[in-house]
Amino acid sequence: MAQKIVFSFDERSLKSLENVQGRGKFPTLATALSDSIQISEFLQDQAEEGFSEVVVRNPKTNKEKTITIPSLRRVGRSESRSTYSSAS
């Protein structure tokens, strides 16, 4: 069941969200935000397993790019530290 919640965005963040909505062709700001949250959760799950880079590939050219997301490194490091600390 959907719940109605209210967010307040500063102008820069709202413009960014509107940009995500437009580029992703999302029907509403809420769907753009929801999809973005799902992607973030998936990436954080991967970071907890030690992954900190995302590799994207253009299927037409097979060119690849590696994207390092700083927040994923923080998630991965904090998970590694807590695992290491509990093993001591």
Protein backbone atom coordinates (compact mmCIF):
# COMPACT_ATOMS: atom_id res chain seq x y z
CA MET A 1 0.00 0.00 0.00
CA ALA A 2 1.38 3.39 -0.99
CA GLN A 3 1.99 5.97 1.70
CA LYS A 4 1.99 9.67 1.11
CA ILE A 5 5.06 11.45 2.45
CA VAL A 6 6.35 14.97 1.91
CA PHE A 7 9.94 15.94 1.15
CA SER A 8 11.49 19.39 1.07
CA PHE A 9 14.27 19.85 -1.50
CA ASP A 10 16.63 22.74 -1.92
CA GLU A 11 16.59 24.23 -5.42
CA ARG A 12 19.71 22.39 -6.62
CA SER A 13 18.46 18.99 -5.42
CA LEU A 14 15.04 19.53 -6.97
CA LYS A 15 16.64 20.44 -10.32
CA SER A 16 18.74 17.29 -10.09
CA LEU A 17 15.68 15.13 -9.38
CA GLU A 18 13.79 16.78 -12.25
CA ASN A 19 16.78 16.04 -14.50
CA VAL A 20 16.71 12.37 -13.44
CA GLN A 21 12.97 12.27 -14.14
CA GLY A 22 13.37 13.77 -17.61
CA ARG A 23 16.39 11.74 -18.70
CA GLY A 24 14.88 8.51 -17.36
CA LYS A 25 11.45 9.33 -18.78
CA PHE A 26 9.84 8.64 -15.41
CA PRO A 27 6.17 9.64 -15.27
CA THR A 28 6.54 11.38 -11.88
CA LEU A 29 9.21 12.70 -9.54
CA ALA A 30 8.13 10.01 -7.07
CA THR A 31 8.89 7.20 -9.51
CA ALA A 32 12.27 8.74 -10.33
CA LEU A 33 13.09 8.94 -6.62
CA SER A 34 11.82 5.42 -5.94
CA ASP A 35 13.88 3.91 -8.77
CA SER A 36 16.96 5.83 -7.63
CA ILE A 37 16.53 4.51 -4.09
CA GLN A 38 16.22 0.93 -5.37
CA ILE A 39 19.44 1.30 -7.37
CA SER A 40 21.22 2.79 -4.36
CA GLU A 41 20.07 -0.07 -2.11
CA PHE A 42 21.31 -2.65 -4.63
CA LEU A 43 24.70 -0.94 -4.90
CA GLN A 44 25.01 -0.70 -1.10
CA ASP A 45 24.25 -4.43 -0.84
CA GLN A 46 27.05 -5.10 -3.31
CA ALA A 47 29.42 -2.80 -1.41
CA GLU A 48 28.76 -4.76 1.78
CA GLU A 49 30.04 -7.81 -0.11
CA GLY A 50 33.23 -5.94 -1.01
CA PHE A 51 32.34 -4.56 -4.44
CA SER A 52 33.14 -0.87 -4.89
CA GLU A 53 33.18 -0.31 -8.66
CA VAL A 54 30.54 -0.43 -11.36
CA VAL A 55 31.54 -1.46 -14.88
CA VAL A 56 29.32 -0.30 -17.73
CA ARG A 57 29.67 -1.53 -21.30
CA ASN A 58 28.38 -0.13 -24.56
CA PRO A 59 27.05 -3.23 -26.37
CA LYS A 60 27.49 -1.58 -29.78
CA THR A 61 31.20 -0.84 -29.34
CA ASN A 62 32.10 -3.13 -26.41
CA LYS A 63 33.80 -0.11 -24.85
CA GLU A 64 33.80 -0.33 -21.06
CA LYS A 65 34.06 2.28 -18.33
CA THR A 66 34.69 1.66 -14.67
CA ILE A 67 32.84 3.95 -12.30
CA THR A 68 34.03 4.30 -8.73
CA ILE A 69 31.32 5.54 -6.38
CA PRO A 70 32.86 7.07 -3.22
CA SER A 71 29.90 6.23 -0.99
CA LEU A 72 30.23 2.55 -1.95
CA ARG A 73 33.85 2.55 -0.83
CA ARG A 74 32.71 3.91 2.56
CA VAL A 75 30.04 1.21 2.89
CA GLY A 76 32.50 -1.52 1.91
CA ARG A 77 35.22 -0.25 4.24
CA SER A 78 32.92 0.11 7.24
CA GLU A 79 31.60 -3.40 6.64
CA SER A 80 35.16 -4.73 6.32
CA ARG A 81 36.20 -3.01 9.53
CA SER A 82 33.25 -4.31 11.50
CA THR A 83 33.85 -7.83 10.19
CA TYR A 84 37.54 -7.56 10.98
CA SER A 85 36.88 -6.14 14.45
CA SER A 86 34.43 -8.90 15.33
CA ALA A 87 36.97 -11.54 14.25
CA SER A 88 39.64 -10.19 16.65
